[in-house]
Amino acid sequence: MINGVGDFDGDGKSDILWRNTTTGDVGLWELNGASIALATNIANGVASNWVINGVGDVNGDGKSDIIWRNTTTGDVGLWEMNGPSILLPATVGNAGPNSVPVGTGDYNGDHKSDILLQNTDGTPTVWTTDGTTVTSTTTLTNPGQTWHPITR
């Protein structure tokens, strides 16, 4: 299953992040146009309660990183990446049982991706981040439960 698209190797071209729903393996296709330049396995057997919820450059190095959520604990994790290599796995915060990361974007203009979450009641929240550190949390106006951001 495709879990995200981003520039993981910093070459200015999109790459594809994969997750095997049976084994939990995480793979990456680094692309050169529509050709696979490198197909590699990033991790084996990641527990099924960890779900990929976003891809973005959270540390500002020009390469995409992976946002995770633990569906059991509500913890939000981050893998800072360099191509197919995990540089730094970290927990950045806890979204609680009712909020889920739904995407990334640069909300404060620092050229680093921040995390957009949405509560089951519809309320969106922005976690402004600097790498693995949440620097601020801003709750936005609730558009209602039937509205969902399009982030992919």
N, C-alpha and C. Protein backbone atom coordinates (compact mmCIF):
# COMPACT_ATOMS: atom_id res chain seq x y z
N MET A 1 0.83 -1.16 0.00
CA MET A 1 0.00 0.00 0.00
C MET A 1 0.89 1.24 0.00
N ILE A 2 0.59 2.21 -0.87
CA ILE A 2 1.33 3.46 -0.89
C ILE A 2 0.94 4.26 0.34
N ASN A 3 1.93 4.67 1.13
CA ASN A 3 1.68 5.43 2.36
C ASN A 3 2.12 6.86 2.29
N GLY A 4 2.80 7.24 1.22
CA GLY A 4 3.22 8.62 1.10
C GLY A 4 4.08 8.84 -0.12
N VAL A 5 4.14 10.09 -0.52
CA VAL A 5 4.98 10.51 -1.62
C VAL A 5 5.76 11.72 -1.14
N GLY A 6 7.06 11.72 -1.35
CA GLY A 6 7.91 12.83 -0.95
C GLY A 6 9.28 12.67 -1.57
N ASP A 7 10.11 13.65 -1.39
CA ASP A 7 11.47 13.61 -1.92
C ASP A 7 12.41 13.15 -0.82
N PHE A 8 12.61 11.85 -0.72
CA PHE A 8 13.40 11.28 0.37
C PHE A 8 14.91 11.40 0.15
N ASP A 9 15.36 11.51 -1.10
CA ASP A 9 16.79 11.57 -1.37
C ASP A 9 17.28 12.97 -1.72
N GLY A 10 16.38 13.96 -1.74
CA GLY A 10 16.78 15.34 -1.94
C GLY A 10 17.17 15.70 -3.36
N ASP A 11 16.74 14.89 -4.34
CA ASP A 11 17.10 15.18 -5.74
C ASP A 11 16.07 16.02 -6.47
N GLY A 12 15.04 16.49 -5.73
CA GLY A 12 14.00 17.32 -6.35
C GLY A 12 12.91 16.53 -7.05
N LYS A 13 12.97 15.19 -6.94
CA LYS A 13 11.98 14.33 -7.59
C LYS A 13 11.25 13.51 -6.54
N SER A 14 9.97 13.30 -6.76
CA SER A 14 9.15 12.55 -5.79
C SER A 14 9.53 11.08 -5.76
N ASP A 15 9.46 10.51 -4.57
CA ASP A 15 9.70 9.10 -4.32
C ASP A 15 8.45 8.52 -3.67
N ILE A 16 8.33 7.19 -3.65
CA ILE A 16 7.13 6.53 -3.12
C ILE A 16 7.48 5.71 -1.89
N LEU A 17 6.72 5.95 -0.81
CA LEU A 17 6.86 5.21 0.44
C LEU A 17 5.79 4.12 0.49
N TRP A 18 6.21 2.90 0.75
CA TRP A 18 5.32 1.74 0.76
C TRP A 18 5.24 1.14 2.16
N ARG A 19 4.12 0.46 2.44
CA ARG A 19 3.97 -0.31 3.68
C ARG A 19 3.27 -1.62 3.35
N ASN A 20 3.88 -2.73 3.74
CA ASN A 20 3.26 -4.04 3.55
C ASN A 20 2.29 -4.24 4.70
N THR A 21 0.99 -4.33 4.40
CA THR A 21 -0.04 -4.41 5.45
C THR A 21 -0.05 -5.76 6.15
N THR A 22 0.60 -6.76 5.60
CA THR A 22 0.68 -8.07 6.24
C THR A 22 1.89 -8.18 7.16
N THR A 23 3.07 -7.80 6.65
CA THR A 23 4.31 -7.98 7.41
C THR A 23 4.71 -6.76 8.23
N GLY A 24 4.20 -5.58 7.88
CA GLY A 24 4.61 -4.35 8.56
C GLY A 24 5.87 -3.75 7.99
N ASP A 25 6.47 -4.39 6.96
CA ASP A 25 7.68 -3.86 6.35
C ASP A 25 7.40 -2.50 5.71
N VAL A 26 8.40 -1.64 5.72
CA VAL A 26 8.31 -0.32 5.10
C VAL A 26 9.38 -0.25 4.02
N GLY A 27 8.97 0.14 2.82
CA GLY A 27 9.89 0.21 1.70
C GLY A 27 9.85 1.56 1.02
N LEU A 28 10.86 1.82 0.22
CA LEU A 28 10.97 3.10 -0.48
C LEU A 28 11.42 2.85 -1.91
N TRP A 29 10.74 3.51 -2.84
CA TRP A 29 11.19 3.56 -4.22
C TRP A 29 11.68 4.97 -4.47
N GLU A 30 12.99 5.13 -4.66
CA GLU A 30 13.53 6.42 -5.09
C GLU A 30 13.39 6.45 -6.61
N LEU A 31 12.71 7.48 -7.10
CA LEU A 31 12.38 7.54 -8.51
C LEU A 31 13.23 8.55 -9.25
N ASN A 32 13.45 8.26 -10.52
CA ASN A 32 14.05 9.19 -11.47
C ASN A 32 13.03 9.31 -12.59
N GLY A 33 12.16 10.30 -12.46
CA GLY A 33 11.01 10.37 -13.37
C GLY A 33 10.09 9.22 -13.05
N ALA A 34 9.72 8.44 -14.06
CA ALA A 34 8.84 7.29 -13.85
C ALA A 34 9.64 5.99 -13.73
N SER A 35 10.95 6.09 -13.56
CA SER A 35 11.80 4.91 -13.42
C SER A 35 12.23 4.75 -11.97
N ILE A 36 12.30 3.51 -11.51
CA ILE A 36 12.76 3.22 -10.15
C ILE A 36 14.28 3.22 -10.16
N ALA A 37 14.88 4.20 -9.49
CA ALA A 37 16.34 4.29 -9.40
C ALA A 37 16.86 3.37 -8.29
N LEU A 38 16.08 3.26 -7.20
CA LEU A 38 16.47 2.41 -6.08
C LEU A 38 15.21 1.94 -5.37
N ALA A 39 15.08 0.64 -5.21
CA ALA A 39 13.99 0.05 -4.42
C ALA A 39 14.64 -0.60 -3.21
N THR A 40 14.24 -0.16 -2.03
CA THR A 40 14.89 -0.68 -0.83
C THR A 40 13.91 -0.83 0.32
N ASN A 41 14.22 -1.72 1.23
CA ASN A 41 13.44 -1.92 2.44
C ASN A 41 14.03 -1.03 3.53
N ILE A 42 13.18 -0.21 4.15
CA ILE A 42 13.64 0.69 5.22
C ILE A 42 13.61 -0.02 6.56
N ALA A 43 12.52 -0.76 6.83
CA ALA A 43 12.36 -1.41 8.13
C ALA A 43 11.52 -2.66 7.97
N ASN A 44 11.80 -3.65 8.80
CA ASN A 44 11.04 -4.90 8.80
C ASN A 44 10.12 -4.96 10.01
N GLY A 45 8.91 -5.47 9.79
CA GLY A 45 8.01 -5.83 10.88
C GLY A 45 7.61 -4.73 11.84
N VAL A 46 7.38 -3.52 11.34
CA VAL A 46 6.90 -2.45 12.23
C VAL A 46 5.51 -2.86 12.73
N ALA A 47 5.30 -2.76 14.02
CA ALA A 47 4.04 -3.21 14.64
C ALA A 47 2.84 -2.55 13.97
N SER A 48 1.76 -3.33 13.85
CA SER A 48 0.57 -2.86 13.13
C SER A 48 -0.13 -1.71 13.84
N ASN A 49 0.14 -1.49 15.13
CA ASN A 49 -0.48 -0.35 15.82
C ASN A 49 0.23 0.96 15.50
N TRP A 50 1.35 0.93 14.78
CA TRP A 50 2.02 2.13 14.29
C TRP A 50 1.60 2.35 12.84
N VAL A 51 0.97 3.48 12.57
CA VAL A 51 0.41 3.80 11.25
C VAL A 51 1.12 5.04 10.71
N ILE A 52 1.48 5.00 9.43
CA ILE A 52 2.08 6.17 8.79
C ILE A 52 0.97 7.18 8.52
N ASN A 53 1.14 8.40 9.04
CA ASN A 53 0.13 9.44 8.89
C ASN A 53 0.61 10.67 8.13
N GLY A 54 1.80 10.66 7.62
CA GLY A 54 2.27 11.81 6.87
C GLY A 54 3.71 11.72 6.47
N VAL A 55 4.06 12.51 5.47
CA VAL A 55 5.42 12.63 4.97
C VAL A 55 5.70 14.12 4.81
N GLY A 56 6.83 14.59 5.30
CA GLY A 56 7.21 15.99 5.14
C GLY A 56 8.62 16.21 5.65
N ASP A 57 9.21 17.32 5.29
CA ASP A 57 10.57 17.63 5.69
C ASP A 57 10.55 18.40 7.01
N VAL A 58 10.50 17.68 8.13
CA VAL A 58 10.36 18.33 9.43
C VAL A 58 11.65 18.95 9.96
N ASN A 59 12.80 18.51 9.46
CA ASN A 59 14.06 19.05 9.97
C ASN A 59 14.73 20.03 9.00
N GLY A 60 14.10 20.30 7.86
CA GLY A 60 14.60 21.31 6.94
C GLY A 60 15.85 20.94 6.16
N ASP A 61 16.13 19.63 6.02
CA ASP A 61 17.32 19.22 5.28
C ASP A 61 17.06 18.97 3.79
N GLY A 62 15.83 19.25 3.35
CA GLY A 62 15.49 19.05 1.93
C GLY A 62 15.09 17.63 1.60
N LYS A 63 14.92 16.79 2.62
CA LYS A 63 14.55 15.39 2.41
C LYS A 63 13.34 15.06 3.28
N SER A 64 12.43 14.27 2.72
CA SER A 64 11.20 13.92 3.44
C SER A 64 11.48 13.02 4.63
N ASP A 65 10.66 13.21 5.66
CA ASP A 65 10.69 12.40 6.88
C ASP A 65 9.31 11.76 7.03
N ILE A 66 9.18 10.80 7.94
CA ILE A 66 7.94 10.03 8.08
C ILE A 66 7.30 10.30 9.44
N ILE A 67 5.99 10.64 9.41
CA ILE A 67 5.20 10.87 10.62
C ILE A 67 4.38 9.61 10.90
N TRP A 68 4.45 9.11 12.13
CA TRP A 68 3.75 7.90 12.56
C TRP A 68 2.77 8.24 13.69
N ARG A 69 1.79 7.37 13.89
CA ARG A 69 0.92 7.46 15.07
C ARG A 69 0.69 6.06 15.62
N ASN A 70 0.81 5.93 16.92
CA ASN A 70 0.52 4.67 17.58
C ASN A 70 -0.97 4.68 17.91
N THR A 71 -1.72 3.78 17.29
CA THR A 71 -3.17 3.76 17.45
C THR A 71 -3.60 3.29 18.84
N THR A 72 -2.71 2.68 19.59
CA THR A 72 -3.01 2.23 20.94
C THR A 72 -2.78 3.33 21.97
N THR A 73 -1.64 4.02 21.87
CA THR A 73 -1.26 5.00 22.88
C THR A 73 -1.54 6.45 22.49
N GLY A 74 -1.68 6.72 21.19
CA GLY A 74 -1.84 8.09 20.71
C GLY A 74 -0.52 8.81 20.49
N ASP A 75 0.62 8.13 20.77
CA ASP A 75 1.92 8.75 20.54
C ASP A 75 2.11 9.05 19.06
N VAL A 76 2.74 10.19 18.78
CA VAL A 76 3.10 10.56 17.42
C VAL A 76 4.61 10.45 17.31
N GLY A 77 5.04 9.65 16.35
CA GLY A 77 6.46 9.41 16.16
C GLY A 77 6.95 10.03 14.87
N LEU A 78 8.25 10.16 14.79
CA LEU A 78 8.88 10.75 13.61
C LEU A 78 10.14 9.97 13.30
N TRP A 79 10.30 9.65 12.03
CA TRP A 79 11.57 9.12 11.55
C TRP A 79 12.19 10.20 10.69
N GLU A 80 13.28 10.82 11.14
CA GLU A 80 14.04 11.71 10.28
C GLU A 80 14.84 10.81 9.34
N MET A 81 14.72 11.09 8.04
CA MET A 81 15.26 10.20 7.02
C MET A 81 16.37 10.86 6.20
N ASN A 82 17.24 10.03 5.66
CA ASN A 82 18.21 10.42 4.64
C ASN A 82 18.12 9.35 3.57
N GLY A 83 17.26 9.58 2.57
CA GLY A 83 16.98 8.52 1.61
C GLY A 83 16.34 7.36 2.34
N PRO A 84 16.86 6.14 2.17
CA PRO A 84 16.27 4.98 2.83
C PRO A 84 16.79 4.74 4.25
N SER A 85 17.64 5.64 4.75
CA SER A 85 18.23 5.46 6.08
C SER A 85 17.46 6.27 7.13
N ILE A 86 17.14 5.60 8.23
CA ILE A 86 16.50 6.27 9.36
C ILE A 86 17.62 6.92 10.18
N LEU A 87 17.63 8.26 10.21
CA LEU A 87 18.66 8.98 10.97
C LEU A 87 18.31 9.07 12.44
N LEU A 88 17.02 9.36 12.71
CA LEU A 88 16.61 9.59 14.09
C LEU A 88 15.15 9.19 14.27
N PRO A 89 14.88 8.08 14.96
CA PRO A 89 13.50 7.78 15.32
C PRO A 89 13.19 8.44 16.67
N ALA A 90 12.06 9.12 16.76
CA ALA A 90 11.74 9.82 18.01
C ALA A 90 10.23 9.93 18.18
N THR A 91 9.81 10.06 19.42
CA THR A 91 8.42 10.39 19.72
C THR A 91 8.36 11.90 19.91
N VAL A 92 7.45 12.57 19.17
CA VAL A 92 7.38 14.03 19.26
C VAL A 92 6.26 14.52 20.18
N GLY A 93 5.30 13.66 20.49
CA GLY A 93 4.22 14.06 21.37
C GLY A 93 3.14 13.01 21.42
N ASN A 94 2.08 13.31 22.15
CA ASN A 94 0.95 12.41 22.24
C ASN A 94 -0.29 13.16 21.81
N ALA A 95 -0.97 12.64 20.78
CA ALA A 95 -2.16 13.28 20.23
C ALA A 95 -3.41 12.89 21.01
N GLY A 96 -3.28 11.92 21.91
CA GLY A 96 -4.44 11.45 22.65
C GLY A 96 -5.24 10.46 21.83
N PRO A 97 -6.30 9.94 22.42
CA PRO A 97 -7.07 8.90 21.75
C PRO A 97 -7.96 9.41 20.62
N ASN A 98 -8.21 10.71 20.56
CA ASN A 98 -9.19 11.22 19.61
C ASN A 98 -8.63 12.10 18.51
N SER A 99 -7.32 12.31 18.47
CA SER A 99 -6.71 13.13 17.42
C SER A 99 -5.75 12.30 16.59
N VAL A 100 -5.73 12.59 15.30
CA VAL A 100 -4.91 11.83 14.36
C VAL A 100 -4.16 12.81 13.46
N PRO A 101 -2.85 12.61 13.24
CA PRO A 101 -2.17 13.41 12.24
C PRO A 101 -2.80 13.13 10.87
N VAL A 102 -3.13 14.20 10.15
CA VAL A 102 -3.77 14.03 8.84
C VAL A 102 -2.91 14.58 7.71
N GLY A 103 -1.77 15.18 8.05
CA GLY A 103 -0.88 15.69 7.02
C GLY A 103 0.17 16.61 7.58
N THR A 104 0.97 17.13 6.67
CA THR A 104 2.03 18.05 7.04
C THR A 104 1.97 19.29 6.15
N GLY A 105 2.56 20.36 6.62
CA GLY A 105 2.67 21.60 5.86
C GLY A 105 3.52 22.57 6.65
N ASP A 106 4.04 23.59 5.98
CA ASP A 106 4.86 24.60 6.65
C ASP A 106 3.94 25.74 7.06
N TYR A 107 3.46 25.71 8.30
CA TYR A 107 2.47 26.67 8.77
C TYR A 107 3.08 27.95 9.33
N ASN A 108 4.40 27.94 9.64
CA ASN A 108 5.01 29.14 10.20
C ASN A 108 6.10 29.74 9.31
N GLY A 109 6.27 29.21 8.11
CA GLY A 109 7.20 29.79 7.14
C GLY A 109 8.67 29.57 7.43
N ASP A 110 9.02 28.55 8.23
CA ASP A 110 10.43 28.31 8.54
C ASP A 110 11.07 27.27 7.62
N HIS A 111 10.36 26.86 6.58
CA HIS A 111 10.83 25.89 5.59
C HIS A 111 10.98 24.49 6.18
N LYS A 112 10.23 24.22 7.25
CA LYS A 112 10.18 22.89 7.85
C LYS A 112 8.72 22.50 7.98
N SER A 113 8.43 21.23 7.72
CA SER A 113 7.05 20.76 7.80
C SER A 113 6.59 20.69 9.25
N ASP A 114 5.36 21.11 9.46
CA ASP A 114 4.69 21.00 10.75
C ASP A 114 3.61 19.94 10.61
N ILE A 115 2.98 19.55 11.70
CA ILE A 115 2.02 18.45 11.69
C ILE A 115 0.60 18.98 11.90
N LEU A 116 -0.29 18.61 10.98
CA LEU A 116 -1.70 18.94 11.10
C LEU A 116 -2.42 17.73 11.66
N LEU A 117 -3.17 17.92 12.75
CA LEU A 117 -3.95 16.85 13.37
C LEU A 117 -5.42 17.22 13.29
N GLN A 118 -6.29 16.21 13.35
CA GLN A 118 -7.72 16.48 13.43
C GLN A 118 -8.34 15.55 14.46
N ASN A 119 -9.14 16.16 15.35
CA ASN A 119 -9.85 15.43 16.39
C ASN A 119 -11.09 14.79 15.78
N THR A 120 -11.60 13.74 16.43
CA THR A 120 -12.81 13.08 15.93
C THR A 120 -14.02 14.01 15.93
N ASP A 121 -13.98 15.10 16.73
CA ASP A 121 -15.08 16.06 16.69
C ASP A 121 -14.93 17.06 15.55
N GLY A 122 -13.82 16.95 14.77
CA GLY A 122 -13.59 17.81 13.62
C GLY A 122 -12.56 18.90 13.86
N THR A 123 -12.19 19.16 15.10
CA THR A 123 -11.29 20.27 15.41
C THR A 123 -9.88 20.00 14.87
N PRO A 124 -9.35 20.91 14.03
CA PRO A 124 -7.97 20.77 13.57
C PRO A 124 -7.00 21.47 14.53
N THR A 125 -5.82 20.91 14.66
CA THR A 125 -4.76 21.47 15.49
C THR A 125 -3.46 21.41 14.69
N VAL A 126 -2.65 22.46 14.81
CA VAL A 126 -1.34 22.49 14.18
C VAL A 126 -0.28 22.37 15.26
N TRP A 127 0.61 21.38 15.09
CA TRP A 127 1.80 21.28 15.91
C TRP A 127 2.93 21.88 15.09
N THR A 128 3.41 23.06 15.47
CA THR A 128 4.59 23.62 14.83
C THR A 128 5.79 22.88 15.39
N THR A 129 6.65 22.41 14.50
CA THR A 129 7.77 21.58 14.93
C THR A 129 9.11 22.14 14.46
N ASP A 130 10.14 21.77 15.17
CA ASP A 130 11.52 22.02 14.77
C ASP A 130 12.22 20.69 14.94
N GLY A 131 12.24 19.92 13.87
CA GLY A 131 12.76 18.56 13.97
C GLY A 131 11.83 17.73 14.83
N THR A 132 12.36 17.14 15.88
CA THR A 132 11.57 16.25 16.73
C THR A 132 10.93 16.98 17.90
N THR A 133 10.99 18.31 17.92
CA THR A 133 10.43 19.09 19.02
C THR A 133 9.19 19.85 18.56
N VAL A 134 8.09 19.70 19.29
CA VAL A 134 6.90 20.50 19.05
C VAL A 134 7.13 21.84 19.74
N THR A 135 7.17 22.92 18.96
CA THR A 135 7.46 24.24 19.52
C THR A 135 6.21 25.02 19.89
N SER A 136 5.07 24.69 19.28
CA SER A 136 3.80 25.32 19.66
C SER A 136 2.65 24.47 19.18
N THR A 137 1.52 24.64 19.83
CA THR A 137 0.30 23.94 19.48
C THR A 137 -0.80 24.99 19.31
N THR A 138 -1.46 24.97 18.16
CA THR A 138 -2.52 25.93 17.89
C THR A 138 -3.77 25.18 17.45
N THR A 139 -4.86 25.40 18.19
CA THR A 139 -6.14 24.81 17.83
C THR A 139 -6.88 25.79 16.94
N LEU A 140 -7.36 25.29 15.81
CA LEU A 140 -8.05 26.13 14.84
C LEU A 140 -9.57 26.00 15.02
N THR A 141 -10.31 26.82 14.31
CA THR A 141 -11.77 26.80 14.36
C THR A 141 -12.28 25.46 13.85
N ASN A 142 -13.22 24.88 14.56
CA ASN A 142 -13.79 23.59 14.19
C ASN A 142 -14.78 23.76 13.03
N PRO A 143 -14.48 23.16 11.86
CA PRO A 143 -15.41 23.26 10.74
C PRO A 143 -16.55 22.24 10.84
N GLY A 144 -16.48 21.33 11.81
CA GLY A 144 -17.49 20.29 11.99
C GLY A 144 -16.94 18.92 11.59
N GLN A 145 -17.63 17.90 12.05
CA GLN A 145 -17.15 16.52 11.86
C GLN A 145 -17.20 16.06 10.41
N THR A 146 -17.98 16.69 9.58
CA THR A 146 -18.11 16.22 8.20
C THR A 146 -17.07 16.83 7.26
N TRP A 147 -16.22 17.74 7.77
CA TRP A 147 -15.18 18.35 6.96
C TRP A 147 -13.83 17.72 7.28
N HIS A 148 -13.10 17.37 6.22
CA HIS A 148 -11.80 16.75 6.39
C HIS A 148 -10.81 17.39 5.43
N PRO A 149 -9.58 17.69 5.90
CA PRO A 149 -8.59 18.28 5.00
C PRO A 149 -8.14 17.29 3.94
N ILE A 150 -7.90 17.78 2.74
CA ILE A 150 -7.33 16.97 1.67
C ILE A 150 -5.83 17.24 1.71
N THR A 151 -5.05 16.25 2.13
CA THR A 151 -3.63 16.46 2.35
C THR A 151 -2.77 15.59 1.45
N ARG A 152 -3.35 14.71 0.70
CA ARG A 152 -2.53 13.85 -0.18
C ARG A 152 -2.83 14.15 -1.62
